Amino acid sequence: ELDLHLLLDLITRRAVDLSGAMSGALRLWDERQQLLVPVSSIGQEAEHPALPLRLGEGVAGTVAERRSGMIVNDYRSFPNATPLLLERTRRVAVLGEPLLCRDRLIGSITVSRTQDEAPFTEEDLQRIEPKMKEIVAARIEVHRREIPREEAIRYFSDRGETYKVELMRDLTDEVFSCFQQGDFMDLCRGPH
C-alpha cells in the first residue's frame, strides 16, 4: 500500500538529493483555499514550519503560477521573495519546479541552498523534473524501516553520505527510522 506522506517526503528528499541542496519543501495546491499548502519539508525548511503560499508568492508560488521551473540564485533580492522566509532562513539560492498532471496544477517543489553552497544551474533543474515524474509513474511502494544505530551509520557511511553520518552521530537514538523506495533509502525523522 502506498503511504502518501512517505511518498511526498521521498519526492522532496529525491529533489534535494538530485540537486545537491540541503533543504527542500513540497506544497500541494488547495483549489478551495487558493493556496499552496506545505506537506513535506526537510533540512532548514523543516526547522521552521513551511508557509502556505498564494500563486506568485516566493519561488514556490511563482513556478506554480507560471507552470514552469525557475532558478533564483539571489533569493534575497527576488521581488517575489516571502518576507517571513527572508527573516527565518539563510537561503540565497532557490530552485523551483511546478508539479503538474496533464497541465493541471498539483503543487510545487522547491530546494534551496545557503550562501555556503554553490548557485543552482540549469543542469540541476534538468535533473529534477524527469525524476519526479518517474517516481510517481513507477508507483513503487514505500517502506518504513527501523534500523539499529551502527547499521544505519555504516549504511550511509558506505554511500559517502557524510552529512547524514554526522547527523546520526550527533543524536542519541539507538534506532533510526528510514524509508526505502526501490533501491533508494533515506533517513526519516518526524511524525509519519
N, C-alpha and C. Protein backbone atom coordinates (compact mmCIF):
# COMPACT_ATOMS: atom_id res chain seq x y z
N GLU A 1 0.85 -1.18 0.00
CA GLU A 1 0.00 0.00 0.00
C GLU A 1 0.89 1.24 0.00
N LEU A 2 0.52 2.20 -0.79
CA LEU A 2 1.30 3.41 -0.93
C LEU A 2 0.95 4.39 0.18
N ASP A 3 1.92 4.83 0.96
CA ASP A 3 1.71 5.80 2.02
C ASP A 3 2.00 7.18 1.44
N LEU A 4 0.97 8.01 1.33
CA LEU A 4 1.11 9.31 0.69
C LEU A 4 2.15 10.20 1.37
N HIS A 5 2.16 10.23 2.69
CA HIS A 5 3.14 11.08 3.39
C HIS A 5 4.57 10.64 3.10
N LEU A 6 4.79 9.34 3.10
CA LEU A 6 6.13 8.85 2.79
C LEU A 6 6.51 9.16 1.35
N LEU A 7 5.56 9.02 0.43
CA LEU A 7 5.83 9.33 -0.97
C LEU A 7 6.19 10.80 -1.15
N LEU A 8 5.44 11.70 -0.50
CA LEU A 8 5.72 13.13 -0.62
C LEU A 8 7.08 13.47 -0.02
N ASP A 9 7.41 12.85 1.12
CA ASP A 9 8.74 13.05 1.71
C ASP A 9 9.82 12.52 0.77
N LEU A 10 9.55 11.38 0.17
CA LEU A 10 10.52 10.80 -0.76
C LEU A 10 10.77 11.72 -1.94
N ILE A 11 9.72 12.26 -2.51
CA ILE A 11 9.85 13.17 -3.64
C ILE A 11 10.69 14.38 -3.23
N THR A 12 10.41 14.93 -2.04
CA THR A 12 11.17 16.08 -1.55
C THR A 12 12.64 15.71 -1.36
N ARG A 13 12.88 14.58 -0.72
CA ARG A 13 14.26 14.15 -0.47
C ARG A 13 15.00 13.86 -1.77
N ARG A 14 14.32 13.26 -2.73
CA ARG A 14 14.97 12.97 -4.02
C ARG A 14 15.35 14.27 -4.71
N ALA A 15 14.46 15.27 -4.67
CA ALA A 15 14.77 16.56 -5.30
C ALA A 15 15.98 17.20 -4.63
N VAL A 16 16.03 17.14 -3.31
CA VAL A 16 17.18 17.70 -2.57
C VAL A 16 18.44 16.94 -2.94
N ASP A 17 18.35 15.62 -2.97
CA ASP A 17 19.50 14.78 -3.28
C ASP A 17 19.99 15.03 -4.71
N LEU A 18 19.08 15.07 -5.67
CA LEU A 18 19.45 15.28 -7.08
C LEU A 18 20.09 16.64 -7.32
N SER A 19 19.65 17.64 -6.57
CA SER A 19 20.15 19.00 -6.79
C SER A 19 21.36 19.33 -5.93
N GLY A 20 21.68 18.47 -4.97
CA GLY A 20 22.79 18.75 -4.07
C GLY A 20 22.47 19.84 -3.07
N ALA A 21 21.19 20.12 -2.88
CA ALA A 21 20.77 21.15 -1.92
C ALA A 21 20.75 20.55 -0.51
N MET A 22 20.57 21.40 0.49
CA MET A 22 20.50 20.94 1.87
C MET A 22 19.08 20.98 2.43
N SER A 23 18.15 21.61 1.70
CA SER A 23 16.78 21.65 2.21
C SER A 23 15.80 21.75 1.05
N GLY A 24 14.55 21.41 1.36
CA GLY A 24 13.52 21.47 0.34
C GLY A 24 12.13 21.41 0.95
N ALA A 25 11.13 21.81 0.16
CA ALA A 25 9.74 21.78 0.61
C ALA A 25 8.84 21.45 -0.58
N LEU A 26 7.80 20.70 -0.28
CA LEU A 26 6.80 20.35 -1.28
C LEU A 26 5.46 20.89 -0.79
N ARG A 27 4.75 21.59 -1.66
CA ARG A 27 3.44 22.14 -1.34
C ARG A 27 2.43 21.62 -2.34
N LEU A 28 1.24 21.27 -1.86
CA LEU A 28 0.15 20.84 -2.73
C LEU A 28 -0.85 21.97 -2.89
N TRP A 29 -1.43 22.06 -4.08
CA TRP A 29 -2.39 23.11 -4.40
C TRP A 29 -3.75 22.77 -3.81
N ASP A 30 -4.28 23.69 -2.99
CA ASP A 30 -5.62 23.57 -2.43
C ASP A 30 -6.52 24.51 -3.22
N GLU A 31 -7.30 23.95 -4.12
CA GLU A 31 -8.15 24.74 -5.02
C GLU A 31 -9.15 25.59 -4.23
N ARG A 32 -9.74 25.01 -3.20
CA ARG A 32 -10.75 25.73 -2.42
C ARG A 32 -10.16 26.96 -1.73
N GLN A 33 -9.01 26.80 -1.09
CA GLN A 33 -8.38 27.91 -0.39
C GLN A 33 -7.54 28.80 -1.30
N GLN A 34 -7.27 28.32 -2.51
CA GLN A 34 -6.38 29.01 -3.44
C GLN A 34 -5.00 29.24 -2.81
N LEU A 35 -4.46 28.17 -2.20
CA LEU A 35 -3.17 28.22 -1.53
C LEU A 35 -2.34 26.99 -1.87
N LEU A 36 -1.03 27.17 -1.88
CA LEU A 36 -0.09 26.06 -1.92
C LEU A 36 0.20 25.70 -0.46
N VAL A 37 -0.25 24.53 -0.04
CA VAL A 37 -0.17 24.12 1.36
C VAL A 37 1.03 23.19 1.56
N PRO A 38 1.92 23.51 2.52
CA PRO A 38 3.10 22.68 2.75
C PRO A 38 2.71 21.30 3.29
N VAL A 39 3.30 20.25 2.68
CA VAL A 39 3.02 18.88 3.12
C VAL A 39 4.30 18.10 3.43
N SER A 40 5.44 18.60 2.99
CA SER A 40 6.71 17.92 3.25
C SER A 40 7.83 18.94 3.25
N SER A 41 8.69 18.87 4.26
CA SER A 41 9.85 19.75 4.27
C SER A 41 11.00 19.05 4.98
N ILE A 42 12.21 19.30 4.50
CA ILE A 42 13.39 18.71 5.12
C ILE A 42 14.50 19.75 5.18
N GLY A 43 15.50 19.46 6.00
CA GLY A 43 16.62 20.38 6.15
C GLY A 43 16.18 21.65 6.85
N GLN A 44 16.74 22.77 6.42
CA GLN A 44 16.42 24.06 7.03
C GLN A 44 14.93 24.37 6.92
N GLU A 45 14.30 23.88 5.85
CA GLU A 45 12.87 24.11 5.66
C GLU A 45 12.08 23.48 6.81
N ALA A 46 12.57 22.36 7.34
CA ALA A 46 11.85 21.66 8.40
C ALA A 46 12.05 22.33 9.76
N GLU A 47 13.11 23.12 9.90
CA GLU A 47 13.37 23.80 11.17
C GLU A 47 12.32 24.86 11.46
N HIS A 48 11.77 25.46 10.44
CA HIS A 48 10.72 26.47 10.56
C HIS A 48 9.54 25.97 9.75
N PRO A 49 8.37 25.90 10.34
CA PRO A 49 7.24 25.39 9.56
C PRO A 49 7.10 26.15 8.24
N ALA A 50 6.98 25.38 7.16
CA ALA A 50 6.81 25.98 5.84
C ALA A 50 5.48 26.73 5.81
N LEU A 51 5.44 27.78 5.05
CA LEU A 51 4.26 28.64 4.99
C LEU A 51 3.37 28.28 3.81
N PRO A 52 2.05 28.35 4.00
CA PRO A 52 1.16 28.26 2.82
C PRO A 52 1.41 29.51 1.98
N LEU A 53 1.38 29.36 0.67
CA LEU A 53 1.66 30.48 -0.23
C LEU A 53 0.57 30.61 -1.28
N ARG A 54 0.36 31.85 -1.71
CA ARG A 54 -0.55 32.12 -2.82
C ARG A 54 0.24 32.02 -4.13
N LEU A 55 -0.46 31.90 -5.23
CA LEU A 55 0.20 31.93 -6.52
C LEU A 55 0.97 33.24 -6.64
N GLY A 56 2.21 33.16 -7.09
CA GLY A 56 3.04 34.35 -7.25
C GLY A 56 3.88 34.68 -6.03
N GLU A 57 3.65 34.02 -4.89
CA GLU A 57 4.44 34.29 -3.68
C GLU A 57 5.63 33.35 -3.61
N GLY A 58 6.81 33.91 -3.36
CA GLY A 58 8.02 33.10 -3.27
C GLY A 58 8.28 32.37 -4.58
N VAL A 59 9.30 31.54 -4.57
CA VAL A 59 9.60 30.75 -5.77
C VAL A 59 8.53 29.69 -5.96
N ALA A 60 8.06 29.08 -4.87
CA ALA A 60 7.04 28.03 -4.97
C ALA A 60 5.77 28.55 -5.65
N GLY A 61 5.32 29.71 -5.23
CA GLY A 61 4.11 30.29 -5.82
C GLY A 61 4.33 30.81 -7.23
N THR A 62 5.53 31.28 -7.51
CA THR A 62 5.83 31.80 -8.85
C THR A 62 5.88 30.69 -9.88
N VAL A 63 6.54 29.55 -9.54
CA VAL A 63 6.60 28.45 -10.52
C VAL A 63 5.22 27.84 -10.72
N ALA A 64 4.42 27.81 -9.66
CA ALA A 64 3.05 27.28 -9.79
C ALA A 64 2.22 28.19 -10.70
N GLU A 65 2.36 29.49 -10.52
CA GLU A 65 1.60 30.45 -11.34
C GLU A 65 2.04 30.39 -12.80
N ARG A 66 3.35 30.31 -13.03
CA ARG A 66 3.88 30.30 -14.40
C ARG A 66 3.81 28.93 -15.07
N ARG A 67 3.65 27.88 -14.24
CA ARG A 67 3.63 26.49 -14.73
C ARG A 67 4.96 26.11 -15.39
N SER A 68 6.04 26.68 -14.90
CA SER A 68 7.37 26.30 -15.40
C SER A 68 8.40 26.50 -14.29
N GLY A 69 9.47 25.70 -14.36
CA GLY A 69 10.51 25.76 -13.35
C GLY A 69 11.35 27.02 -13.47
N MET A 70 12.03 27.34 -12.38
CA MET A 70 12.92 28.50 -12.40
C MET A 70 14.00 28.36 -11.35
N ILE A 71 15.07 29.11 -11.57
CA ILE A 71 16.19 29.20 -10.64
C ILE A 71 16.33 30.64 -10.21
N VAL A 72 16.44 30.86 -8.91
CA VAL A 72 16.70 32.20 -8.37
C VAL A 72 17.95 32.07 -7.51
N ASN A 73 19.08 32.56 -8.02
CA ASN A 73 20.34 32.45 -7.29
C ASN A 73 20.61 33.65 -6.39
N ASP A 74 19.71 34.61 -6.36
CA ASP A 74 19.82 35.74 -5.44
C ASP A 74 18.45 35.96 -4.80
N TYR A 75 18.03 34.95 -4.02
CA TYR A 75 16.69 34.99 -3.43
C TYR A 75 16.46 36.22 -2.57
N ARG A 76 17.49 36.70 -1.91
CA ARG A 76 17.33 37.83 -1.01
C ARG A 76 16.92 39.10 -1.77
N SER A 77 17.17 39.14 -3.07
CA SER A 77 16.78 40.29 -3.91
C SER A 77 15.60 39.96 -4.83
N PHE A 78 15.08 38.75 -4.75
CA PHE A 78 13.98 38.31 -5.61
C PHE A 78 12.71 39.10 -5.27
N PRO A 79 12.10 39.77 -6.24
CA PRO A 79 10.94 40.62 -5.94
C PRO A 79 9.75 39.87 -5.33
N ASN A 80 9.63 38.56 -5.59
CA ASN A 80 8.52 37.79 -5.03
C ASN A 80 8.91 37.03 -3.77
N ALA A 81 10.09 37.32 -3.22
CA ALA A 81 10.54 36.64 -2.00
C ALA A 81 9.53 36.86 -0.87
N THR A 82 9.36 35.84 -0.06
CA THR A 82 8.45 35.90 1.06
C THR A 82 9.19 36.54 2.24
N PRO A 83 8.73 37.69 2.74
CA PRO A 83 9.44 38.38 3.82
C PRO A 83 9.72 37.51 5.05
N LEU A 84 8.75 36.69 5.44
CA LEU A 84 8.95 35.86 6.62
C LEU A 84 10.06 34.82 6.38
N LEU A 85 10.14 34.29 5.17
CA LEU A 85 11.22 33.34 4.87
C LEU A 85 12.57 34.03 4.83
N LEU A 86 12.60 35.26 4.37
CA LEU A 86 13.86 36.02 4.39
C LEU A 86 14.33 36.20 5.84
N GLU A 87 13.38 36.41 6.72
CA GLU A 87 13.67 36.60 8.14
C GLU A 87 14.15 35.31 8.80
N ARG A 88 13.48 34.21 8.47
CA ARG A 88 13.68 32.93 9.16
C ARG A 88 14.84 32.09 8.63
N THR A 89 15.22 32.26 7.37
CA THR A 89 16.19 31.35 6.78
C THR A 89 17.42 32.08 6.25
N ARG A 90 18.44 31.28 5.94
CA ARG A 90 19.67 31.81 5.36
C ARG A 90 19.74 31.53 3.88
N ARG A 91 18.61 31.14 3.27
CA ARG A 91 18.63 30.76 1.87
C ARG A 91 19.04 31.92 0.98
N VAL A 92 19.85 31.58 -0.02
CA VAL A 92 20.22 32.58 -1.02
C VAL A 92 19.88 32.11 -2.42
N ALA A 93 19.84 30.79 -2.63
CA ALA A 93 19.52 30.25 -3.94
C ALA A 93 18.36 29.28 -3.81
N VAL A 94 17.39 29.40 -4.72
CA VAL A 94 16.22 28.52 -4.69
C VAL A 94 15.93 28.04 -6.11
N LEU A 95 15.66 26.75 -6.22
CA LEU A 95 15.26 26.15 -7.47
C LEU A 95 13.83 25.64 -7.25
N GLY A 96 12.92 25.98 -8.15
CA GLY A 96 11.53 25.55 -8.01
C GLY A 96 11.01 24.89 -9.26
N GLU A 97 10.10 23.96 -9.06
CA GLU A 97 9.50 23.22 -10.17
C GLU A 97 8.02 23.02 -9.83
N PRO A 98 7.12 23.34 -10.78
CA PRO A 98 5.70 23.07 -10.52
C PRO A 98 5.44 21.57 -10.63
N LEU A 99 4.45 21.08 -9.91
CA LEU A 99 4.02 19.70 -10.04
C LEU A 99 2.72 19.72 -10.82
N LEU A 100 2.76 19.16 -12.02
CA LEU A 100 1.61 19.21 -12.93
C LEU A 100 1.20 17.81 -13.33
N CYS A 101 -0.08 17.62 -13.53
CA CYS A 101 -0.61 16.38 -14.06
C CYS A 101 -1.56 16.74 -15.18
N ARG A 102 -1.15 16.44 -16.41
CA ARG A 102 -1.94 16.81 -17.60
C ARG A 102 -2.28 18.30 -17.58
N ASP A 103 -1.29 19.11 -17.33
CA ASP A 103 -1.40 20.57 -17.29
C ASP A 103 -2.23 21.10 -16.12
N ARG A 104 -2.65 20.25 -15.22
CA ARG A 104 -3.39 20.68 -14.04
C ARG A 104 -2.40 20.84 -12.88
N LEU A 105 -2.49 21.96 -12.17
CA LEU A 105 -1.58 22.23 -11.05
C LEU A 105 -1.88 21.30 -9.88
N ILE A 106 -0.86 20.57 -9.45
CA ILE A 106 -0.95 19.69 -8.29
C ILE A 106 -0.25 20.36 -7.10
N GLY A 107 0.84 21.08 -7.37
CA GLY A 107 1.60 21.73 -6.31
C GLY A 107 2.92 22.24 -6.85
N SER A 108 3.88 22.41 -5.96
CA SER A 108 5.22 22.83 -6.36
C SER A 108 6.24 22.29 -5.38
N ILE A 109 7.46 22.18 -5.87
CA ILE A 109 8.56 21.73 -5.02
C ILE A 109 9.70 22.72 -5.15
N THR A 110 10.32 23.04 -4.04
CA THR A 110 11.48 23.94 -4.05
C THR A 110 12.61 23.30 -3.27
N VAL A 111 13.82 23.56 -3.72
CA VAL A 111 15.01 23.18 -2.97
C VAL A 111 15.85 24.45 -2.82
N SER A 112 16.57 24.54 -1.71
CA SER A 112 17.32 25.78 -1.51
C SER A 112 18.72 25.50 -0.97
N ARG A 113 19.56 26.50 -1.21
CA ARG A 113 20.94 26.47 -0.74
C ARG A 113 21.23 27.75 0.02
N THR A 114 22.22 27.66 0.89
CA THR A 114 22.63 28.82 1.66
C THR A 114 23.84 29.46 0.98
N GLN A 115 24.33 30.55 1.57
CA GLN A 115 25.47 31.26 0.98
C GLN A 115 26.73 30.41 0.95
N ASP A 116 26.79 29.35 1.76
CA ASP A 116 27.97 28.49 1.79
C ASP A 116 28.00 27.50 0.64
N GLU A 117 26.93 27.43 -0.13
CA GLU A 117 26.82 26.44 -1.20
C GLU A 117 26.86 27.12 -2.57
N ALA A 118 27.15 26.34 -3.59
CA ALA A 118 27.22 26.87 -4.96
C ALA A 118 25.83 27.24 -5.47
N PRO A 119 25.76 28.16 -6.42
CA PRO A 119 24.46 28.50 -7.01
C PRO A 119 23.91 27.33 -7.83
N PHE A 120 22.61 27.36 -8.10
CA PHE A 120 21.99 26.34 -8.94
C PHE A 120 22.31 26.60 -10.40
N THR A 121 22.25 25.53 -11.19
CA THR A 121 22.48 25.64 -12.63
C THR A 121 21.28 25.04 -13.37
N GLU A 122 21.23 25.28 -14.67
CA GLU A 122 20.17 24.69 -15.50
C GLU A 122 20.22 23.16 -15.43
N GLU A 123 21.43 22.61 -15.27
CA GLU A 123 21.56 21.15 -15.18
C GLU A 123 20.85 20.62 -13.94
N ASP A 124 20.89 21.37 -12.83
CA ASP A 124 20.17 20.97 -11.62
C ASP A 124 18.67 20.88 -11.92
N LEU A 125 18.16 21.88 -12.60
CA LEU A 125 16.75 21.91 -12.96
C LEU A 125 16.38 20.74 -13.88
N GLN A 126 17.25 20.45 -14.84
CA GLN A 126 17.00 19.37 -15.80
C GLN A 126 17.00 17.99 -15.14
N ARG A 127 17.75 17.83 -14.05
CA ARG A 127 17.81 16.53 -13.37
C ARG A 127 16.55 16.25 -12.56
N ILE A 128 15.92 17.28 -12.02
CA ILE A 128 14.82 17.07 -11.08
C ILE A 128 13.51 16.66 -11.76
N GLU A 129 13.08 17.40 -12.76
CA GLU A 129 11.76 17.16 -13.34
C GLU A 129 11.52 15.72 -13.81
N PRO A 130 12.40 15.14 -14.63
CA PRO A 130 12.11 13.78 -15.09
C PRO A 130 12.10 12.75 -13.95
N LYS A 131 12.94 12.97 -12.94
CA LYS A 131 13.00 12.01 -11.83
C LYS A 131 11.70 12.06 -11.01
N MET A 132 11.15 13.23 -10.82
CA MET A 132 9.89 13.35 -10.08
C MET A 132 8.76 12.63 -10.83
N LYS A 133 8.71 12.80 -12.12
CA LYS A 133 7.69 12.12 -12.93
C LYS A 133 7.88 10.61 -12.87
N GLU A 134 9.13 10.18 -12.93
CA GLU A 134 9.44 8.74 -12.88
C GLU A 134 8.99 8.13 -11.56
N ILE A 135 9.26 8.80 -10.45
CA ILE A 135 8.89 8.28 -9.13
C ILE A 135 7.38 8.07 -9.04
N VAL A 136 6.62 9.07 -9.45
CA VAL A 136 5.17 8.98 -9.36
C VAL A 136 4.64 7.92 -10.32
N ALA A 137 5.16 7.88 -11.53
CA ALA A 137 4.67 6.93 -12.54
C ALA A 137 5.00 5.49 -12.17
N ALA A 138 6.13 5.26 -11.53
CA ALA A 138 6.54 3.90 -11.20
C ALA A 138 5.67 3.27 -10.12
N ARG A 139 5.08 4.06 -9.27
CA ARG A 139 4.22 3.58 -8.19
C ARG A 139 4.91 2.49 -7.37
N ILE A 140 6.21 2.67 -7.15
CA ILE A 140 6.96 1.73 -6.33
C ILE A 140 6.57 1.96 -4.88
N GLU A 141 6.31 0.88 -4.17
CA GLU A 141 5.90 1.01 -2.78
C GLU A 141 7.01 1.61 -1.94
N VAL A 142 6.59 2.35 -0.92
CA VAL A 142 7.50 2.97 0.02
C VAL A 142 7.38 2.20 1.34
N HIS A 143 8.53 1.80 1.88
CA HIS A 143 8.53 1.03 3.13
C HIS A 143 9.30 1.80 4.19
N ARG A 144 8.75 1.84 5.38
CA ARG A 144 9.42 2.45 6.52
C ARG A 144 10.11 1.34 7.29
N ARG A 145 11.38 1.57 7.65
CA ARG A 145 12.16 0.57 8.37
C ARG A 145 12.80 1.19 9.59
N GLU A 146 12.97 0.40 10.62
CA GLU A 146 13.72 0.80 11.81
C GLU A 146 15.07 0.09 11.73
N ILE A 147 16.16 0.86 11.73
CA ILE A 147 17.49 0.29 11.57
C ILE A 147 18.34 0.63 12.80
N PRO A 148 19.02 -0.37 13.38
CA PRO A 148 19.88 -0.09 14.53
C PRO A 148 20.94 0.96 14.19
N ARG A 149 21.30 1.74 15.17
CA ARG A 149 22.21 2.87 15.03
C ARG A 149 23.47 2.53 14.22
N GLU A 150 24.23 1.53 14.65
CA GLU A 150 25.50 1.22 13.98
C GLU A 150 25.29 0.76 12.55
N GLU A 151 24.24 0.00 12.30
CA GLU A 151 23.94 -0.45 10.93
C GLU A 151 23.61 0.74 10.03
N ALA A 152 22.83 1.69 10.56
CA ALA A 152 22.46 2.88 9.79
C ALA A 152 23.69 3.73 9.49
N ILE A 153 24.54 3.93 10.48
CA ILE A 153 25.76 4.72 10.28
C ILE A 153 26.65 4.06 9.22
N ARG A 154 26.79 2.75 9.31
CA ARG A 154 27.61 2.01 8.33
C ARG A 154 27.00 2.13 6.92
N TYR A 155 25.67 1.97 6.81
CA TYR A 155 25.00 2.03 5.51
C TYR A 155 25.25 3.38 4.83
N PHE A 156 25.01 4.49 5.56
CA PHE A 156 25.16 5.81 4.96
C PHE A 156 26.63 6.19 4.78
N SER A 157 27.49 5.69 5.65
CA SER A 157 28.93 5.94 5.50
C SER A 157 29.46 5.26 4.24
N ASP A 158 29.03 4.01 3.99
CA ASP A 158 29.44 3.28 2.79
C ASP A 158 29.02 4.00 1.51
N ARG A 159 27.99 4.83 1.59
CA ARG A 159 27.49 5.54 0.41
C ARG A 159 28.01 6.98 0.34
N GLY A 160 28.93 7.33 1.23
CA GLY A 160 29.53 8.66 1.19
C GLY A 160 28.61 9.77 1.68
N GLU A 161 27.59 9.42 2.45
CA GLU A 161 26.62 10.41 2.95
C GLU A 161 27.13 10.98 4.27
N THR A 162 28.21 11.76 4.21
CA THR A 162 28.86 12.26 5.43
C THR A 162 27.97 13.16 6.28
N TYR A 163 27.13 13.97 5.64
CA TYR A 163 26.25 14.85 6.40
C TYR A 163 25.29 14.02 7.27
N LYS A 164 24.73 12.96 6.68
CA LYS A 164 23.79 12.12 7.42
C LYS A 164 24.51 11.37 8.54
N VAL A 165 25.72 10.91 8.26
CA VAL A 165 26.50 10.21 9.29
C VAL A 165 26.78 11.16 10.45
N GLU A 166 27.20 12.39 10.17
CA GLU A 166 27.44 13.38 11.23
C GLU A 166 26.17 13.64 12.02
N LEU A 167 25.06 13.76 11.33
CA LEU A 167 23.77 14.00 11.99
C LEU A 167 23.43 12.84 12.93
N MET A 168 23.59 11.61 12.46
CA MET A 168 23.28 10.45 13.30
C MET A 168 24.21 10.37 14.51
N ARG A 169 25.47 10.70 14.31
CA ARG A 169 26.43 10.65 15.43
C ARG A 169 26.13 11.72 16.48
N ASP A 170 25.50 12.82 16.06
CA ASP A 170 25.12 13.88 17.00
C ASP A 170 23.87 13.53 17.80
N LEU A 171 23.13 12.53 17.34
CA LEU A 171 21.89 12.13 18.02
C LEU A 171 22.15 10.95 18.94
N THR A 172 21.29 10.79 19.92
CA THR A 172 21.45 9.69 20.87
C THR A 172 20.57 8.49 20.54
N ASP A 173 19.83 8.55 19.45
CA ASP A 173 18.92 7.47 19.07
C ASP A 173 19.67 6.16 18.92
N GLU A 174 19.08 5.07 19.42
CA GLU A 174 19.65 3.74 19.25
C GLU A 174 19.15 3.08 17.97
N VAL A 175 18.02 3.60 17.47
CA VAL A 175 17.40 3.09 16.25
C VAL A 175 17.00 4.28 15.40
N PHE A 176 17.21 4.19 14.08
CA PHE A 176 16.82 5.27 13.18
C PHE A 176 15.73 4.78 12.24
N SER A 177 14.76 5.65 12.01
CA SER A 177 13.73 5.36 11.02
C SER A 177 14.27 5.73 9.65
N CYS A 178 14.06 4.85 8.71
CA CYS A 178 14.44 5.10 7.33
C CYS A 178 13.26 4.73 6.44
N PHE A 179 13.21 5.30 5.26
CA PHE A 179 12.23 4.83 4.31
C PHE A 179 12.96 4.42 3.05
N GLN A 180 12.36 3.44 2.38
CA GLN A 180 13.00 2.88 1.20
C GLN A 180 11.98 2.76 0.08
N GLN A 181 12.39 3.18 -1.10
CA GLN A 181 11.60 3.01 -2.30
C GLN A 181 12.54 2.45 -3.35
N GLY A 182 12.28 1.22 -3.76
CA GLY A 182 13.21 0.58 -4.68
C GLY A 182 14.58 0.50 -4.03
N ASP A 183 15.62 0.95 -4.73
CA ASP A 183 16.97 0.89 -4.17
C ASP A 183 17.39 2.17 -3.46
N PHE A 184 16.47 3.11 -3.31
CA PHE A 184 16.77 4.37 -2.63
C PHE A 184 16.32 4.28 -1.18
N MET A 185 17.21 4.60 -0.23
CA MET A 185 16.84 4.63 1.19
C MET A 185 17.37 5.93 1.78
N ASP A 186 16.57 6.51 2.69
CA ASP A 186 16.97 7.76 3.32
C ASP A 186 16.48 7.77 4.76
N LEU A 187 17.11 8.63 5.55
CA LEU A 187 16.67 8.82 6.93
C LEU A 187 15.30 9.48 6.94
N CYS A 188 14.56 9.18 7.97
CA CYS A 188 13.23 9.76 8.11
C CYS A 188 13.08 10.18 9.56
N ARG A 189 12.92 11.45 9.80
CA ARG A 189 12.77 11.94 11.16
C ARG A 189 11.53 12.81 11.19
N GLY A 190 10.63 12.52 12.10
CA GLY A 190 9.41 13.31 12.19
C GLY A 190 8.19 12.42 12.21
N PRO A 191 7.03 13.02 12.39
CA PRO A 191 5.79 12.25 12.52
C PRO A 191 5.27 11.78 11.16
N HIS A 192 5.31 10.46 10.94
CA HIS A 192 4.75 9.89 9.71
C HIS A 192 3.83 8.76 10.08
